[in-house]
Amino acid sequence: MRVITFNTQGIEQAADKGFFDWMVKQDADVICLQDLRIKEYQLDGDRYHPEGYYPYFFDAFEDGFSGVAIYTRHVPKAIMTGLGFELCDYQGRFIQADFDKVSVSSLYVPSGLKSFSAQQTKEEFMAHFLAHLKKTLRKRRDFIFCGTFNTAHRTMDLSNWYANQSVSGFLPSERAWMEEMLGDLGFVDAFRELNKAERQFTWWPDYNRARTLNEGARLDYQITTGNLRKMITGASIYKDQSFSEHGPLIIDYDGDF
């Protein structure tokens, strides 16, 4: 089973840059998209509904803001939207597709870069989401949480990390949150199960040659429950084309879900 996660930074502009043409060639079973910046009813063109895929959306209430989606080859048993708290649900930041054995979600953690209040909002979201992760551990199924976490986990996940230790996305509190999720709670960073190399980024800032020079951060993840660790068979970041400042993260899992 192949799962792709990608932050579009606006699904229309990503489509204009050829994302859906690329997507249908990847033989992916599930594609999780974030930051759509448009509502579902506005996506009535054929290019947003490629043949062979069932799309599911969760809109933000505010126009031109956030929004997440899941495209899947197989009709899910159920779709869940939101996590039960306003910051997530009002801004359209979580959608989950339940299959026979595994649930796959598309998640968009807020950025804290704009201001102190933005960082407070991000930390509030992270606290709520961590509580949700703890609840999932009591369920008799496995989970794959795909999306933009807007935090680099370790120094190897961020260029010029030393100068960014007081910047949102690499704060000690944020990295401790990642450590709790991937350490104490036993969740798995699917990409790092197979790729231990440095400078493996999924986001490059919008300035001249950042992507060419590979100056960026690993902000996009597929986080799985522990039982899926041994099922991870492939991990890559697509960099040959630029559909947004983010690159699609592709993970292959053994077996069907």
C-alpha atoms as a PDB file:
ATOM      1  CA  MET A   1       0.000   0.000   0.000  1.00  0.00           C
ATOM      2  CA  ARG A   2       1.380   3.385  -0.986  1.00  0.00           C
ATOM      3  CA  VAL A   3       0.447   6.506   0.988  1.00  0.00           C
ATOM      4  CA  ILE A   4       1.407  10.052  -0.051  1.00  0.00           C
ATOM      5  CA  THR A   5       1.095  13.230   1.984  1.00  0.00           C
ATOM      6  CA  PHE A   6       1.487  16.701   0.495  1.00  0.00           C
ATOM      7  CA  ASN A   7       0.913  20.296   1.613  1.00  0.00           C
ATOM      8  CA  THR A   8      -0.508  22.046  -1.443  1.00  0.00           C
ATOM      9  CA  GLN A   9      -0.349  25.636  -0.154  1.00  0.00           C
ATOM     10  CA  GLY A  10      -3.480  26.078  -2.226  1.00  0.00           C
ATOM     11  CA  ILE A  11      -4.831  23.135  -4.200  1.00  0.00           C
ATOM     12  CA  GLU A  12      -5.590  25.303  -7.239  1.00  0.00           C
ATOM     13  CA  GLN A  13      -2.021  26.530  -7.652  1.00  0.00           C
ATOM     14  CA  ALA A  14      -0.669  23.006  -7.036  1.00  0.00           C
ATOM     15  CA  ALA A  15      -2.977  21.703  -9.766  1.00  0.00           C
ATOM     16  CA  ASP A  16      -1.805  24.486 -12.089  1.00  0.00           C
ATOM     17  CA  LYS A  17       1.764  23.284 -11.518  1.00  0.00           C
ATOM     18  CA  GLY A  18       0.858  19.723 -12.507  1.00  0.00           C
ATOM     19  CA  PHE A  19       0.318  18.023  -9.151  1.00  0.00           C
ATOM     20  CA  PHE A  20      -2.667  15.908 -10.192  1.00  0.00           C
ATOM     21  CA  ASP A  21      -0.974  14.847 -13.416  1.00  0.00           C
ATOM     22  CA  TRP A  22       1.908  13.612 -11.271  1.00  0.00           C
ATOM     23  CA  MET A  23      -0.359  12.106  -8.606  1.00  0.00           C
ATOM     24  CA  VAL A  24      -2.260   9.753 -10.900  1.00  0.00           C
ATOM     25  CA  LYS A  25       1.024   8.257 -12.113  1.00  0.00           C
ATOM     26  CA  GLN A  26       2.200   7.275  -8.613  1.00  0.00           C
ATOM     27  CA  ASP A  27      -0.023   4.209  -8.141  1.00  0.00           C
ATOM     28  CA  ALA A  28      -0.836   5.444  -4.635  1.00  0.00           C
ATOM     29  CA  ASP A  29      -3.689   3.973  -2.636  1.00  0.00           C
ATOM     30  CA  VAL A  30      -4.211   6.999  -0.377  1.00  0.00           C
ATOM     31  CA  ILE A  31      -3.177  10.627  -0.893  1.00  0.00           C
ATOM     32  CA  CYS A  32      -3.495  13.080   1.997  1.00  0.00           C
ATOM     33  CA  LEU A  33      -3.548  16.795   1.171  1.00  0.00           C
ATOM     34  CA  GLN A  34      -3.312  19.834   3.429  1.00  0.00           C
ATOM     35  CA  ASP A  35      -3.780  23.610   3.198  1.00  0.00           C
ATOM     36  CA  LEU A  36      -6.275  23.553   0.310  1.00  0.00           C
ATOM     37  CA  ARG A  37      -7.325  27.216   0.755  1.00  0.00           C
ATOM     38  CA  ILE A  38     -10.631  26.605  -1.013  1.00  0.00           C
ATOM     39  CA  LYS A  39     -13.949  24.911  -0.281  1.00  0.00           C
ATOM     40  CA  GLU A  40     -15.049  21.591  -1.722  1.00  0.00           C
ATOM     41  CA  TYR A  41     -17.980  23.006  -3.690  1.00  0.00           C
ATOM     42  CA  GLN A  42     -15.540  25.206  -5.634  1.00  0.00           C
ATOM     43  CA  LEU A  43     -13.555  22.178  -6.839  1.00  0.00           C
ATOM     44  CA  ASP A  44     -15.931  21.042  -9.550  1.00  0.00           C
ATOM     45  CA  GLY A  45     -13.380  20.571 -12.329  1.00  0.00           C
ATOM     46  CA  ASP A  46     -12.361  17.132 -13.597  1.00  0.00           C
ATOM     47  CA  ARG A  47      -8.743  17.707 -12.603  1.00  0.00           C
ATOM     48  CA  TYR A  48      -9.760  17.670  -8.912  1.00  0.00           C
ATOM     49  CA  HIS A  49     -11.602  14.370  -9.367  1.00  0.00           C
ATOM     50  CA  PRO A  50      -9.166  12.034 -11.161  1.00  0.00           C
ATOM     51  CA  GLU A  51     -10.594   8.760 -12.386  1.00  0.00           C
ATOM     52  CA  GLY A  52     -10.152   5.879  -9.979  1.00  0.00           C
ATOM     53  CA  TYR A  53     -10.056   7.995  -6.807  1.00  0.00           C
ATOM     54  CA  TYR A  54     -12.696   8.872  -4.246  1.00  0.00           C
ATOM     55  CA  PRO A  55     -12.063  12.355  -2.766  1.00  0.00           C
ATOM     56  CA  TYR A  56     -13.133  13.440   0.722  1.00  0.00           C
ATOM     57  CA  PHE A  57     -12.755  16.984   2.017  1.00  0.00           C
ATOM     58  CA  PHE A  58     -12.967  18.873   5.282  1.00  0.00           C
ATOM     59  CA  ASP A  59     -13.312  22.604   4.716  1.00  0.00           C
ATOM     60  CA  ALA A  60     -12.351  25.468   6.955  1.00  0.00           C
ATOM     61  CA  PHE A  61     -15.274  27.757   7.775  1.00  0.00           C
ATOM     62  CA  GLU A  62     -13.253  30.797   6.737  1.00  0.00           C
ATOM     63  CA  ASP A  63     -12.855  31.309   3.001  1.00  0.00           C
ATOM     64  CA  GLY A  64      -9.380  30.813   1.546  1.00  0.00           C
ATOM     65  CA  PHE A  65      -8.075  29.226   4.726  1.00  0.00           C
ATOM     66  CA  SER A  66      -6.590  25.806   5.490  1.00  0.00           C
ATOM     67  CA  GLY A  67      -8.703  22.730   4.633  1.00  0.00           C
ATOM     68  CA  VAL A  68      -7.633  19.085   4.250  1.00  0.00           C
ATOM     69  CA  ALA A  69      -8.518  16.189   1.959  1.00  0.00           C
ATOM     70  CA  ILE A  70      -8.031  12.471   1.388  1.00  0.00           C
ATOM     71  CA  TYR A  71      -8.061  10.805  -2.033  1.00  0.00           C
ATOM     72  CA  THR A  72      -8.379   7.024  -1.932  1.00  0.00           C
ATOM     73  CA  ARG A  73      -8.695   4.183  -4.443  1.00  0.00           C
ATOM     74  CA  HIS A  74     -10.934   2.234  -2.059  1.00  0.00           C
ATOM     75  CA  VAL A  75     -14.175   3.406  -0.469  1.00  0.00           C
ATOM     76  CA  PRO A  76     -13.518   3.749   3.284  1.00  0.00           C
ATOM     77  CA  LYS A  77     -15.695   2.116   5.894  1.00  0.00           C
ATOM     78  CA  ALA A  78     -16.119   5.546   7.483  1.00  0.00           C
ATOM     79  CA  ILE A  79     -14.913   9.150   7.259  1.00  0.00           C
ATOM     80  CA  MET A  80     -14.324  11.242  10.371  1.00  0.00           C
ATOM     81  CA  THR A  81     -13.826  15.001  10.259  1.00  0.00           C
ATOM     82  CA  GLY A  82     -12.471  17.143  13.068  1.00  0.00           C
ATOM     83  CA  LEU A  83     -11.143  16.282  16.497  1.00  0.00           C
ATOM     84  CA  GLY A  84     -13.795  17.878  18.671  1.00  0.00           C
ATOM     85  CA  PHE A  85     -12.099  21.165  19.505  1.00  0.00           C
ATOM     86  CA  GLU A  86     -12.753  24.490  17.792  1.00  0.00           C
ATOM     87  CA  LEU A  87      -9.200  25.291  16.741  1.00  0.00           C
ATOM     88  CA  CYS A  88      -9.105  22.122  14.644  1.00  0.00           C
ATOM     89  CA  ASP A  89     -12.678  21.874  13.475  1.00  0.00           C
ATOM     90  CA  TYR A  90     -13.339  25.520  12.604  1.00  0.00           C
ATOM     91  CA  GLN A  91     -10.144  25.673  10.553  1.00  0.00           C
ATOM     92  CA  GLY A  92     -10.575  22.327   8.764  1.00  0.00           C
ATOM     93  CA  ARG A  93      -7.383  20.688  10.015  1.00  0.00           C
ATOM     94  CA  PHE A  94      -8.186  16.959  10.336  1.00  0.00           C
ATOM     95  CA  ILE A  95      -9.919  14.273   8.283  1.00  0.00           C
ATOM     96  CA  GLN A  96      -9.662  10.505   8.764  1.00  0.00           C
ATOM     97  CA  ALA A  97     -10.559   7.555   6.535  1.00  0.00           C
ATOM     98  CA  ASP A  98     -11.206   4.220   8.265  1.00  0.00           C
ATOM     99  CA  PHE A  99     -10.380   1.064   6.326  1.00  0.00           C
ATOM    100  CA  ASP A 100     -10.674  -2.557   7.459  1.00  0.00           C
ATOM    101  CA  LYS A 101      -7.527  -2.609   9.592  1.00  0.00           C
ATOM    102  CA  VAL A 102      -6.018   0.867   9.458  1.00  0.00           C
ATOM    103  CA  SER A 103      -7.183   4.470   9.727  1.00  0.00           C
ATOM    104  CA  VAL A 104      -5.360   7.086   7.635  1.00  0.00           C
ATOM    105  CA  SER A 105      -5.686  10.784   8.391  1.00  0.00           C
ATOM    106  CA  SER A 106      -4.684  14.098   6.850  1.00  0.00           C
ATOM    107  CA  LEU A 107      -3.547  16.609   9.454  1.00  0.00           C
ATOM    108  CA  TYR A 108      -2.439  20.246   9.328  1.00  0.00           C
ATOM    109  CA  VAL A 109      -0.824  21.609  12.493  1.00  0.00           C
ATOM    110  CA  PRO A 110      -0.865  25.434  12.611  1.00  0.00           C
ATOM    111  CA  SER A 111       2.330  27.409  12.089  1.00  0.00           C
ATOM    112  CA  GLY A 112       3.571  29.600  14.913  1.00  0.00           C
ATOM    113  CA  LEU A 113       5.894  31.745  12.847  1.00  0.00           C
ATOM    114  CA  LYS A 114       3.733  34.855  12.459  1.00  0.00           C
ATOM    115  CA  SER A 115       3.490  35.998  16.058  1.00  0.00           C
ATOM    116  CA  PHE A 116       3.576  35.066  19.733  1.00  0.00           C
ATOM    117  CA  SER A 117      -0.185  34.469  19.676  1.00  0.00           C
ATOM    118  CA  ALA A 118       0.227  32.212  16.636  1.00  0.00           C
ATOM    119  CA  GLN A 119       2.728  30.137  18.583  1.00  0.00           C
ATOM    120  CA  GLN A 120       0.327  29.908  21.518  1.00  0.00           C
ATOM    121  CA  THR A 121      -2.359  28.685  19.114  1.00  0.00           C
ATOM    122  CA  LYS A 122       0.003  26.079  17.718  1.00  0.00           C
ATOM    123  CA  GLU A 123       0.903  24.806  21.175  1.00  0.00           C
ATOM    124  CA  GLU A 124      -2.772  24.595  22.121  1.00  0.00           C
ATOM    125  CA  PHE A 125      -3.431  22.514  19.015  1.00  0.00           C
ATOM    126  CA  MET A 126      -0.466  20.257  19.759  1.00  0.00           C
ATOM    127  CA  ALA A 127      -1.692  19.627  23.306  1.00  0.00           C
ATOM    128  CA  HIS A 128      -5.142  18.627  22.054  1.00  0.00           C
ATOM    129  CA  PHE A 129      -3.687  16.405  19.352  1.00  0.00           C
ATOM    130  CA  LEU A 130      -1.348  14.648  21.786  1.00  0.00           C
ATOM    131  CA  ALA A 131      -4.379  13.820  23.928  1.00  0.00           C
ATOM    132  CA  HIS A 132      -6.046  12.377  20.821  1.00  0.00           C
ATOM    133  CA  LEU A 133      -2.977  10.244  20.087  1.00  0.00           C
ATOM    134  CA  LYS A 134      -3.151   8.781  23.580  1.00  0.00           C
ATOM    135  CA  LYS A 135      -6.785   7.829  23.001  1.00  0.00           C
ATOM    136  CA  THR A 136      -5.959   6.028  19.756  1.00  0.00           C
ATOM    137  CA  LEU A 137      -3.578   3.717  21.614  1.00  0.00           C
ATOM    138  CA  ARG A 138      -6.607   2.200  23.341  1.00  0.00           C
ATOM    139  CA  LYS A 139      -8.269   1.280  20.061  1.00  0.00           C
ATOM    140  CA  ARG A 140      -7.996  -2.109  18.360  1.00  0.00           C
ATOM    141  CA  ARG A 141      -6.696  -0.812  15.043  1.00  0.00           C
ATOM    142  CA  ASP A 142      -3.636   0.883  13.630  1.00  0.00           C
ATOM    143  CA  PHE A 143      -3.292   4.488  12.523  1.00  0.00           C
ATOM    144  CA  ILE A 144      -1.269   6.527  10.047  1.00  0.00           C
ATOM    145  CA  PHE A 145      -1.283  10.264  10.747  1.00  0.00           C
ATOM    146  CA  CYS A 146      -0.144  12.097   7.610  1.00  0.00           C
ATOM    147  CA  GLY A 147       0.497  15.763   7.252  1.00  0.00           C
ATOM    148  CA  THR A 148       2.338  18.951   8.050  1.00  0.00           C
ATOM    149  CA  PHE A 149       3.398  19.063  11.696  1.00  0.00           C
ATOM    150  CA  ASN A 150       5.316  22.339  11.206  1.00  0.00           C
ATOM    151  CA  THR A 151       8.104  21.115  13.501  1.00  0.00           C
ATOM    152  CA  ALA A 152      11.532  19.700  12.700  1.00  0.00           C
ATOM    153  CA  HIS A 153      12.226  16.819  15.057  1.00  0.00           C
ATOM    154  CA  ARG A 154      16.014  16.775  15.308  1.00  0.00           C
ATOM    155  CA  THR A 155      19.014  18.852  14.250  1.00  0.00           C
ATOM    156  CA  MET A 156      19.421  16.653  11.169  1.00  0.00           C
ATOM    157  CA  ASP A 157      15.931  17.734  10.069  1.00  0.00           C
ATOM    158  CA  LEU A 158      16.686  21.437   9.717  1.00  0.00           C
ATOM    159  CA  SER A 159      19.346  23.404   7.859  1.00  0.00           C
ATOM    160  CA  ASN A 160      21.137  26.036   9.948  1.00  0.00           C
ATOM    161  CA  TRP A 161      19.527  24.484  13.027  1.00  0.00           C
ATOM    162  CA  TYR A 162      21.800  26.224  15.524  1.00  0.00           C
ATOM    163  CA  ALA A 163      20.484  29.652  14.548  1.00  0.00           C
ATOM    164  CA  ASN A 164      16.870  28.448  14.642  1.00  0.00           C
ATOM    165  CA  GLN A 165      16.630  27.131  18.192  1.00  0.00           C
ATOM    166  CA  SER A 166      14.494  30.100  19.269  1.00  0.00           C
ATOM    167  CA  VAL A 167      12.299  30.028  16.146  1.00  0.00           C
ATOM    168  CA  SER A 168       8.874  28.391  15.935  1.00  0.00           C
ATOM    169  CA  GLY A 169       9.231  24.981  14.362  1.00  0.00           C
ATOM    170  CA  PHE A 170      12.357  24.078  16.318  1.00  0.00           C
ATOM    171  CA  LEU A 171      11.670  25.318  19.842  1.00  0.00           C
ATOM    172  CA  PRO A 172      12.726  23.033  22.720  1.00  0.00           C
ATOM    173  CA  SER A 173       9.070  22.610  23.740  1.00  0.00           C
ATOM    174  CA  GLU A 174       8.086  21.542  20.220  1.00  0.00           C
ATOM    175  CA  ARG A 175      10.921  19.052  19.944  1.00  0.00           C
ATOM    176  CA  ALA A 176      10.003  17.660  23.372  1.00  0.00           C
ATOM    177  CA  TRP A 177       6.456  17.181  22.072  1.00  0.00           C
ATOM    178  CA  MET A 178       7.849  15.200  19.139  1.00  0.00           C
ATOM    179  CA  GLU A 179       9.993  13.127  21.518  1.00  0.00           C
ATOM    180  CA  GLU A 180       6.992  12.282  23.680  1.00  0.00           C
ATOM    181  CA  MET A 181       5.001  11.182  20.644  1.00  0.00           C
ATOM    182  CA  LEU A 182       7.812   9.124  19.104  1.00  0.00           C
ATOM    183  CA  GLY A 183       9.365   7.994  22.363  1.00  0.00           C
ATOM    184  CA  ASP A 184       7.080   7.573  25.368  1.00  0.00           C
ATOM    185  CA  LEU A 185       3.919   6.907  23.351  1.00  0.00           C
ATOM    186  CA  GLY A 186       5.646   4.561  20.909  1.00  0.00           C
ATOM    187  CA  PHE A 187       4.525   6.118  17.624  1.00  0.00           C
ATOM    188  CA  VAL A 188       6.794   5.683  14.592  1.00  0.00           C
ATOM    189  CA  ASP A 189       8.249   8.249  12.189  1.00  0.00           C
ATOM    190  CA  ALA A 190       7.780   6.139   9.058  1.00  0.00           C
ATOM    191  CA  PHE A 191      10.322   8.020   6.946  1.00  0.00           C
ATOM    192  CA  ARG A 192      13.079   7.708   9.544  1.00  0.00           C
ATOM    193  CA  GLU A 193      12.520   3.980   9.884  1.00  0.00           C
ATOM    194  CA  LEU A 194      14.229   3.573   6.517  1.00  0.00           C
ATOM    195  CA  ASN A 195      16.128   6.810   5.885  1.00  0.00           C
ATOM    196  CA  LYS A 196      18.593   7.989   8.537  1.00  0.00           C
ATOM    197  CA  ALA A 197      20.452  10.462   6.332  1.00  0.00           C
ATOM    198  CA  GLU A 198      20.827  14.134   7.181  1.00  0.00           C
ATOM    199  CA  ARG A 199      19.245  17.021   5.256  1.00  0.00           C
ATOM    200  CA  GLN A 200      16.176  15.078   4.171  1.00  0.00           C
ATOM    201  CA  PHE A 201      13.761  17.986   3.908  1.00  0.00           C
ATOM    202  CA  THR A 202      10.123  18.273   2.823  1.00  0.00           C
ATOM    203  CA  TRP A 203       9.930  22.087   2.822  1.00  0.00           C
ATOM    204  CA  TRP A 204      12.130  24.755   1.301  1.00  0.00           C
ATOM    205  CA  PRO A 205      11.465  28.486   1.883  1.00  0.00           C
ATOM    206  CA  ASP A 206      10.356  30.585  -1.028  1.00  0.00           C
ATOM    207  CA  TYR A 207      13.570  32.332  -1.844  1.00  0.00           C
ATOM    208  CA  ASN A 208      15.998  32.033  -4.724  1.00  0.00           C
ATOM    209  CA  ARG A 209      17.704  28.615  -4.943  1.00  0.00           C
ATOM    210  CA  ALA A 210      16.591  27.311  -1.517  1.00  0.00           C
ATOM    211  CA  ARG A 211      15.412  24.040  -3.052  1.00  0.00           C
ATOM    212  CA  THR A 212      18.475  23.819  -5.291  1.00  0.00           C
ATOM    213  CA  LEU A 213      20.788  24.360  -2.321  1.00  0.00           C
ATOM    214  CA  ASN A 214      18.632  22.076  -0.157  1.00  0.00           C
ATOM    215  CA  GLU A 215      18.159  24.682   2.571  1.00  0.00           C
ATOM    216  CA  GLY A 216      14.965  23.747   4.360  1.00  0.00           C
ATOM    217  CA  ALA A 217      13.295  21.598   7.005  1.00  0.00           C
ATOM    218  CA  ARG A 218      11.484  18.284   7.400  1.00  0.00           C
ATOM    219  CA  LEU A 219       8.022  19.462   8.436  1.00  0.00           C
ATOM    220  CA  ASP A 220       5.845  16.757   6.841  1.00  0.00           C
ATOM    221  CA  TYR A 221       5.458  13.290   8.329  1.00  0.00           C
ATOM    222  CA  GLN A 222       3.679   9.985   8.315  1.00  0.00           C
ATOM    223  CA  ILE A 223       3.392   8.949  11.959  1.00  0.00           C
ATOM    224  CA  THR A 224       2.183   5.400  12.570  1.00  0.00           C
ATOM    225  CA  THR A 225       1.228   3.218  15.476  1.00  0.00           C
ATOM    226  CA  GLY A 226       3.946   0.803  16.541  1.00  0.00           C
ATOM    227  CA  ASN A 227       2.428  -2.293  14.934  1.00  0.00           C
ATOM    228  CA  LEU A 228       3.081  -0.853  11.469  1.00  0.00           C
ATOM    229  CA  ARG A 229       6.817  -0.403  12.012  1.00  0.00           C
ATOM    230  CA  LYS A 230       7.784  -3.666  10.312  1.00  0.00           C
ATOM    231  CA  MET A 231       5.392  -3.020   7.426  1.00  0.00           C
ATOM    232  CA  ILE A 232       7.232   0.072   6.165  1.00  0.00           C
ATOM    233  CA  THR A 233       9.045  -0.933   2.979  1.00  0.00           C
ATOM    234  CA  GLY A 234       9.772   2.314   1.139  1.00  0.00           C
ATOM    235  CA  ALA A 235      10.266   5.992   1.978  1.00  0.00           C
ATOM    236  CA  SER A 236      11.062   8.928  -0.294  1.00  0.00           C
ATOM    237  CA  ILE A 237      10.543  12.661  -0.787  1.00  0.00           C
ATOM    238  CA  TYR A 238       9.697  13.754  -4.320  1.00  0.00           C
ATOM    239  CA  LYS A 239      11.839  16.712  -5.383  1.00  0.00           C
ATOM    240  CA  ASP A 240      12.027  16.611  -9.184  1.00  0.00           C
ATOM    241  CA  GLN A 241       9.079  18.990  -9.633  1.00  0.00           C
ATOM    242  CA  SER A 242       7.894  21.861  -7.458  1.00  0.00           C
ATOM    243  CA  PHE A 243       4.148  21.951  -6.783  1.00  0.00           C
ATOM    244  CA  SER A 244       4.475  24.154  -3.659  1.00  0.00           C
ATOM    245  CA  GLU A 245       7.174  24.956  -1.119  1.00  0.00           C
ATOM    246  CA  HIS A 246       6.596  21.421   0.212  1.00  0.00           C
ATOM    247  CA  GLY A 247       7.572  18.144  -1.426  1.00  0.00           C
ATOM    248  CA  PRO A 248       5.303  15.057  -1.448  1.00  0.00           C
ATOM    249  CA  LEU A 249       6.310  12.426   1.122  1.00  0.00           C
ATOM    250  CA  ILE A 250       5.817   8.874  -0.188  1.00  0.00           C
ATOM    251  CA  ILE A 251       5.718   5.823   2.103  1.00  0.00           C
ATOM    252  CA  ASP A 252       5.144   2.233   0.990  1.00  0.00           C
ATOM    253  CA  TYR A 253       3.637  -0.306   3.398  1.00  0.00           C
ATOM    254  CA  ASP A 254       3.560  -4.068   3.003  1.00  0.00           C
ATOM    255  CA  GLY A 255       0.100  -5.551   2.520  1.00  0.00           C
ATOM    256  CA  ASP A 256      -3.409  -4.164   2.122  1.00  0.00           C
ATOM    257  CA  PHE A 257      -5.289  -2.242   4.749  1.00  0.00           C
END
